[in-house]
Amino acid sequence: MLAKIAVFSLVLPIGAYNRYRLMPAIGVPSTQRSLVRNVGIESLILAVAVLGLAAILANTPPAHGHL
């Protein structure tokens, strides 16, 4: 759960910046480049996070539940 919160805390500010700063000025070519760059960074962070979490979970022994 903490890992999900950490990833979310990295992605949230980028998404907010894109939505509230870049989208209103989308007609400007430099703004379009910035938006594409930010979406790429956001996607990269998510991809690395997903792969990292999958690697951690693959190497973690399963919990021993008691019924």
PDB file of N, CA and C in Angstrom:
ATOM      1  N   MET A   1       0.822  -1.187   0.000  1.00  0.00           N
ATOM      2  CA  MET A   1       0.000   0.000   0.000  1.00  0.00           C
ATOM      3  C   MET A   1       0.867   1.251   0.000  1.00  0.00           C
ATOM      4  N   LEU A   2       1.938   1.222   0.766  1.00  0.00           N
ATOM      5  CA  LEU A   2       2.834   2.380   0.803  1.00  0.00           C
ATOM      6  C   LEU A   2       3.480   2.628  -0.547  1.00  0.00           C
ATOM      7  N   ALA A   3       3.782   1.567  -1.270  1.00  0.00           N
ATOM      8  CA  ALA A   3       4.375   1.730  -2.602  1.00  0.00           C
ATOM      9  C   ALA A   3       3.393   2.409  -3.549  1.00  0.00           C
ATOM     10  N   LYS A   4       2.131   2.037  -3.473  1.00  0.00           N
ATOM     11  CA  LYS A   4       1.112   2.672  -4.313  1.00  0.00           C
ATOM     12  C   LYS A   4       0.980   4.155  -3.989  1.00  0.00           C
ATOM     13  N   ILE A   5       1.017   4.481  -2.716  1.00  0.00           N
ATOM     14  CA  ILE A   5       0.936   5.887  -2.306  1.00  0.00           C
ATOM     15  C   ILE A   5       2.154   6.660  -2.808  1.00  0.00           C
ATOM     16  N   ALA A   6       3.319   6.039  -2.746  1.00  0.00           N
ATOM     17  CA  ALA A   6       4.540   6.693  -3.214  1.00  0.00           C
ATOM     18  C   ALA A   6       4.471   6.982  -4.706  1.00  0.00           C
ATOM     19  N   VAL A   7       4.023   6.015  -5.494  1.00  0.00           N
ATOM     20  CA  VAL A   7       3.897   6.216  -6.936  1.00  0.00           C
ATOM     21  C   VAL A   7       2.862   7.295  -7.225  1.00  0.00           C
ATOM     22  N   PHE A   8       1.757   7.243  -6.535  1.00  0.00           N
ATOM     23  CA  PHE A   8       0.709   8.238  -6.727  1.00  0.00           C
ATOM     24  C   PHE A   8       1.227   9.632  -6.401  1.00  0.00           C
ATOM     25  N   SER A   9       2.041   9.745  -5.357  1.00  0.00           N
ATOM     26  CA  SER A   9       2.561  11.062  -4.975  1.00  0.00           C
ATOM     27  C   SER A   9       3.561  11.588  -5.990  1.00  0.00           C
ATOM     28  N   LEU A  10       4.140  10.727  -6.814  1.00  0.00           N
ATOM     29  CA  LEU A  10       5.020  11.176  -7.891  1.00  0.00           C
ATOM     30  C   LEU A  10       4.229  11.602  -9.127  1.00  0.00           C
ATOM     31  N   VAL A  11       3.158  10.905  -9.411  1.00  0.00           N
ATOM     32  CA  VAL A  11       2.394  11.134 -10.628  1.00  0.00           C
ATOM     33  C   VAL A  11       1.385  12.276 -10.472  1.00  0.00           C
ATOM     34  N   LEU A  12       0.828  12.434  -9.296  1.00  0.00           N
ATOM     35  CA  LEU A  12      -0.209  13.441  -9.074  1.00  0.00           C
ATOM     36  C   LEU A  12       0.219  14.864  -9.440  1.00  0.00           C
ATOM     37  N   PRO A  13       1.376  15.352  -9.008  1.00  0.00           N
ATOM     38  CA  PRO A  13       1.731  16.728  -9.368  1.00  0.00           C
ATOM     39  C   PRO A  13       1.931  16.925 -10.869  1.00  0.00           C
ATOM     40  N   ILE A  14       2.449  15.915 -11.545  1.00  0.00           N
ATOM     41  CA  ILE A  14       2.631  16.029 -12.996  1.00  0.00           C
ATOM     42  C   ILE A  14       1.269  16.129 -13.676  1.00  0.00           C
ATOM     43  N   GLY A  15       0.335  15.283 -13.278  1.00  0.00           N
ATOM     44  CA  GLY A  15      -1.008  15.321 -13.849  1.00  0.00           C
ATOM     45  C   GLY A  15      -1.723  16.629 -13.568  1.00  0.00           C
ATOM     46  N   ALA A  16      -1.572  17.141 -12.360  1.00  0.00           N
ATOM     47  CA  ALA A  16      -2.204  18.415 -12.008  1.00  0.00           C
ATOM     48  C   ALA A  16      -1.616  19.558 -12.822  1.00  0.00           C
ATOM     49  N   TYR A  17      -0.310  19.549 -12.995  1.00  0.00           N
ATOM     50  CA  TYR A  17       0.348  20.582 -13.810  1.00  0.00           C
ATOM     51  C   TYR A  17      -0.156  20.520 -15.252  1.00  0.00           C
ATOM     52  N   ASN A  18      -0.223  19.303 -15.786  1.00  0.00           N
ATOM     53  CA  ASN A  18      -0.724  19.142 -17.151  1.00  0.00           C
ATOM     54  C   ASN A  18      -2.149  19.673 -17.290  1.00  0.00           C
ATOM     55  N   ARG A  19      -2.989  19.329 -16.331  1.00  0.00           N
ATOM     56  CA  ARG A  19      -4.403  19.689 -16.417  1.00  0.00           C
ATOM     57  C   ARG A  19      -4.651  21.185 -16.248  1.00  0.00           C
ATOM     58  N   TYR A  20      -4.013  21.778 -15.259  1.00  0.00           N
ATOM     59  CA  TYR A  20      -4.353  23.156 -14.905  1.00  0.00           C
ATOM     60  C   TYR A  20      -3.433  24.207 -15.513  1.00  0.00           C
ATOM     61  N   ARG A  21      -2.249  23.823 -15.968  1.00  0.00           N
ATOM     62  CA  ARG A  21      -1.338  24.790 -16.571  1.00  0.00           C
ATOM     63  C   ARG A  21      -1.232  24.637 -18.076  1.00  0.00           C
ATOM     64  N   LEU A  22      -1.086  23.391 -18.528  1.00  0.00           N
ATOM     65  CA  LEU A  22      -0.819  23.173 -19.941  1.00  0.00           C
ATOM     66  C   LEU A  22      -2.083  23.073 -20.792  1.00  0.00           C
ATOM     67  N   MET A  23      -3.106  22.406 -20.293  1.00  0.00           N
ATOM     68  CA  MET A  23      -4.316  22.228 -21.103  1.00  0.00           C
ATOM     69  C   MET A  23      -4.987  23.547 -21.493  1.00  0.00           C
ATOM     70  N   PRO A  24      -5.058  24.552 -20.628  1.00  0.00           N
ATOM     71  CA  PRO A  24      -5.682  25.817 -21.049  1.00  0.00           C
ATOM     72  C   PRO A  24      -4.929  26.508 -22.198  1.00  0.00           C
ATOM     73  N   ALA A  25      -3.626  26.253 -22.334  1.00  0.00           N
ATOM     74  CA  ALA A  25      -2.826  26.899 -23.376  1.00  0.00           C
ATOM     75  C   ALA A  25      -2.377  25.891 -24.430  1.00  0.00           C
ATOM     76  N   ILE A  26      -3.205  24.913 -24.730  1.00  0.00           N
ATOM     77  CA  ILE A  26      -2.815  23.812 -25.614  1.00  0.00           C
ATOM     78  C   ILE A  26      -2.538  24.267 -27.049  1.00  0.00           C
ATOM     79  N   GLY A  27      -3.036  25.430 -27.451  1.00  0.00           N
ATOM     80  CA  GLY A  27      -2.823  25.910 -28.813  1.00  0.00           C
ATOM     81  C   GLY A  27      -1.399  26.358 -29.103  1.00  0.00           C
ATOM     82  N   VAL A  28      -0.604  26.614 -28.091  1.00  0.00           N
ATOM     83  CA  VAL A  28       0.775  27.070 -28.264  1.00  0.00           C
ATOM     84  C   VAL A  28       1.676  25.857 -28.508  1.00  0.00           C
ATOM     85  N   PRO A  29       2.495  25.886 -29.595  1.00  0.00           N
ATOM     86  CA  PRO A  29       3.329  24.709 -29.907  1.00  0.00           C
ATOM     87  C   PRO A  29       4.270  24.287 -28.769  1.00  0.00           C
ATOM     88  N   SER A  30       4.849  25.235 -28.055  1.00  0.00           N
ATOM     89  CA  SER A  30       5.755  24.856 -26.965  1.00  0.00           C
ATOM     90  C   SER A  30       4.981  24.168 -25.835  1.00  0.00           C
ATOM     91  N   THR A  31       3.730  24.574 -25.655  1.00  0.00           N
ATOM     92  CA  THR A  31       2.887  23.933 -24.642  1.00  0.00           C
ATOM     93  C   THR A  31       2.576  22.497 -25.045  1.00  0.00           C
ATOM     94  N   GLN A  32       2.333  22.283 -26.328  1.00  0.00           N
ATOM     95  CA  GLN A  32       2.063  20.923 -26.809  1.00  0.00           C
ATOM     96  C   GLN A  32       3.272  20.026 -26.571  1.00  0.00           C
ATOM     97  N   ARG A  33       4.474  20.546 -26.841  1.00  0.00           N
ATOM     98  CA  ARG A  33       5.698  19.759 -26.605  1.00  0.00           C
ATOM     99  C   ARG A  33       5.859  19.445 -25.118  1.00  0.00           C
ATOM    100  N   SER A  34       5.581  20.423 -24.277  1.00  0.00           N
ATOM    101  CA  SER A  34       5.685  20.202 -22.832  1.00  0.00           C
ATOM    102  C   SER A  34       4.695  19.144 -22.362  1.00  0.00           C
ATOM    103  N   LEU A  35       3.482  19.200 -22.893  1.00  0.00           N
ATOM    104  CA  LEU A  35       2.466  18.226 -22.511  1.00  0.00           C
ATOM    105  C   LEU A  35       2.874  16.819 -22.934  1.00  0.00           C
ATOM    106  N   VAL A  36       3.367  16.677 -24.149  1.00  0.00           N
ATOM    107  CA  VAL A  36       3.810  15.360 -24.627  1.00  0.00           C
ATOM    108  C   VAL A  36       4.967  14.855 -23.773  1.00  0.00           C
ATOM    109  N   ARG A  37       5.904  15.733 -23.435  1.00  0.00           N
ATOM    110  CA  ARG A  37       7.038  15.353 -22.589  1.00  0.00           C
ATOM    111  C   ARG A  37       6.554  14.901 -21.216  1.00  0.00           C
ATOM    112  N   ASN A  38       5.653  15.670 -20.615  1.00  0.00           N
ATOM    113  CA  ASN A  38       5.159  15.332 -19.278  1.00  0.00           C
ATOM    114  C   ASN A  38       4.380  14.029 -19.264  1.00  0.00           C
ATOM    115  N   VAL A  39       3.583  13.800 -20.289  1.00  0.00           N
ATOM    116  CA  VAL A  39       2.837  12.535 -20.366  1.00  0.00           C
ATOM    117  C   VAL A  39       3.814  11.371 -20.513  1.00  0.00           C
ATOM    118  N   GLY A  40       4.872  11.577 -21.274  1.00  0.00           N
ATOM    119  CA  GLY A  40       5.900  10.542 -21.398  1.00  0.00           C
ATOM    120  C   GLY A  40       6.569  10.245 -20.065  1.00  0.00           C
ATOM    121  N   ILE A  41       6.896  11.294 -19.319  1.00  0.00           N
ATOM    122  CA  ILE A  41       7.507  11.117 -17.996  1.00  0.00           C
ATOM    123  C   ILE A  41       6.546  10.405 -17.053  1.00  0.00           C
ATOM    124  N   GLU A  42       5.298  10.821 -17.093  1.00  0.00           N
ATOM    125  CA  GLU A  42       4.278  10.203 -16.240  1.00  0.00           C
ATOM    126  C   GLU A  42       4.149   8.711 -16.566  1.00  0.00           C
ATOM    127  N   SER A  43       4.123   8.392 -17.849  1.00  0.00           N
ATOM    128  CA  SER A  43       4.016   6.989 -18.268  1.00  0.00           C
ATOM    129  C   SER A  43       5.255   6.208 -17.859  1.00  0.00           C
ATOM    130  N   LEU A  44       6.418   6.831 -17.969  1.00  0.00           N
ATOM    131  CA  LEU A  44       7.653   6.156 -17.584  1.00  0.00           C
ATOM    132  C   LEU A  44       7.671   5.855 -16.088  1.00  0.00           C
ATOM    133  N   ILE A  45       7.255   6.818 -15.286  1.00  0.00           N
ATOM    134  CA  ILE A  45       7.196   6.597 -13.834  1.00  0.00           C
ATOM    135  C   ILE A  45       6.260   5.444 -13.513  1.00  0.00           C
ATOM    136  N   LEU A  46       5.105   5.426 -14.152  1.00  0.00           N
ATOM    137  CA  LEU A  46       4.143   4.347 -13.895  1.00  0.00           C
ATOM    138  C   LEU A  46       4.687   2.999 -14.351  1.00  0.00           C
ATOM    139  N   ALA A  47       5.329   2.948 -15.515  1.00  0.00           N
ATOM    140  CA  ALA A  47       5.867   1.691 -16.025  1.00  0.00           C
ATOM    141  C   ALA A  47       6.959   1.157 -15.103  1.00  0.00           C
ATOM    142  N   VAL A  48       7.867   2.016 -14.684  1.00  0.00           N
ATOM    143  CA  VAL A  48       8.940   1.595 -13.786  1.00  0.00           C
ATOM    144  C   VAL A  48       8.354   1.131 -12.450  1.00  0.00           C
ATOM    145  N   ALA A  49       7.361   1.849 -11.967  1.00  0.00           N
ATOM    146  CA  ALA A  49       6.740   1.475 -10.700  1.00  0.00           C
ATOM    147  C   ALA A  49       6.063   0.110 -10.801  1.00  0.00           C
ATOM    148  N   VAL A  50       5.337  -0.118 -11.867  1.00  0.00           N
ATOM    149  CA  VAL A  50       4.649  -1.398 -12.041  1.00  0.00           C
ATOM    150  C   VAL A  50       5.661  -2.535 -12.137  1.00  0.00           C
ATOM    151  N   LEU A  51       6.708  -2.347 -12.923  1.00  0.00           N
ATOM    152  CA  LEU A  51       7.720  -3.398 -13.055  1.00  0.00           C
ATOM    153  C   LEU A  51       8.454  -3.622 -11.731  1.00  0.00           C
ATOM    154  N   GLY A  52       8.764  -2.547 -11.036  1.00  0.00           N
ATOM    155  CA  GLY A  52       9.444  -2.676  -9.753  1.00  0.00           C
ATOM    156  C   GLY A  52       8.594  -3.389  -8.721  1.00  0.00           C
ATOM    157  N   LEU A  53       7.329  -3.009  -8.630  1.00  0.00           N
ATOM    158  CA  LEU A  53       6.432  -3.673  -7.682  1.00  0.00           C
ATOM    159  C   LEU A  53       6.226  -5.142  -8.042  1.00  0.00           C
ATOM    160  N   ALA A  54       6.143  -5.437  -9.339  1.00  0.00           N
ATOM    161  CA  ALA A  54       5.999  -6.832  -9.764  1.00  0.00           C
ATOM    162  C   ALA A  54       7.236  -7.641  -9.375  1.00  0.00           C
ATOM    163  N   ALA A  55       8.414  -7.051  -9.535  1.00  0.00           N
ATOM    164  CA  ALA A  55       9.651  -7.743  -9.164  1.00  0.00           C
ATOM    165  C   ALA A  55       9.702  -7.994  -7.662  1.00  0.00           C
ATOM    166  N   ILE A  56       9.293  -7.008  -6.891  1.00  0.00           N
ATOM    167  CA  ILE A  56       9.281  -7.172  -5.434  1.00  0.00           C
ATOM    168  C   ILE A  56       8.300  -8.261  -5.025  1.00  0.00           C
ATOM    169  N   LEU A  57       7.116  -8.224  -5.593  1.00  0.00           N
ATOM    170  CA  LEU A  57       6.106  -9.229  -5.239  1.00  0.00           C
ATOM    171  C   LEU A  57       6.519 -10.622  -5.684  1.00  0.00           C
ATOM    172  N   ALA A  58       7.232 -10.739  -6.812  1.00  0.00           N
ATOM    173  CA  ALA A  58       7.666 -12.049  -7.295  1.00  0.00           C
ATOM    174  C   ALA A  58       8.712 -12.657  -6.361  1.00  0.00           C
ATOM    175  N   ASN A  59       9.454 -11.823  -5.668  1.00  0.00           N
ATOM    176  CA  ASN A  59      10.520 -12.319  -4.784  1.00  0.00           C
ATOM    177  C   ASN A  59      10.133 -12.313  -3.317  1.00  0.00           C
ATOM    178  N   THR A  60       8.866 -12.057  -3.042  1.00  0.00           N
ATOM    179  CA  THR A  60       8.383 -12.054  -1.663  1.00  0.00           C
ATOM    180  C   THR A  60       7.654 -13.358  -1.388  1.00  0.00           C
ATOM    181  N   PRO A  61       8.009 -14.035  -0.303  1.00  0.00           N
ATOM    182  CA  PRO A  61       7.302 -15.287   0.004  1.00  0.00           C
ATOM    183  C   PRO A  61       5.840 -15.003   0.363  1.00  0.00           C
ATOM    184  N   PRO A  62       4.960 -15.920   0.047  1.00  0.00           N
ATOM    185  CA  PRO A  62       3.549 -15.706   0.375  1.00  0.00           C
ATOM    186  C   PRO A  62       3.316 -15.690   1.887  1.00  0.00           C
ATOM    187  N   ALA A  63       2.294 -14.979   2.263  1.00  0.00           N
ATOM    188  CA  ALA A  63       1.953 -14.893   3.693  1.00  0.00           C
ATOM    189  C   ALA A  63       1.433 -16.249   4.174  1.00  0.00           C
ATOM    190  N   HIS A  64       1.684 -16.551   5.423  1.00  0.00           N
ATOM    191  CA  HIS A  64       1.208 -17.794   6.009  1.00  0.00           C
ATOM    192  C   HIS A  64      -0.031 -17.472   6.831  1.00  0.00           C
ATOM    193  N   GLY A  65      -1.177 -17.735   6.257  1.00  0.00           N
ATOM    194  CA  GLY A  65      -2.424 -17.434   6.938  1.00  0.00           C
ATOM    195  C   GLY A  65      -2.844 -18.564   7.856  1.00  0.00           C
ATOM    196  N   HIS A  66      -3.476 -18.224   8.935  1.00  0.00           N
ATOM    197  CA  HIS A  66      -4.012 -19.208   9.880  1.00  0.00           C
ATOM    198  C   HIS A  66      -5.521 -19.128   9.829  1.00  0.00           C
ATOM    199  N   LEU A  67      -6.142 -20.270   9.654  1.00  0.00           N
ATOM    200  CA  LEU A  67      -7.609 -20.297   9.591  1.00  0.00           C
ATOM    201  C   LEU A  67      -8.203 -20.653  10.895  1.00  0.00           C
TER     202      LEU A  67
END
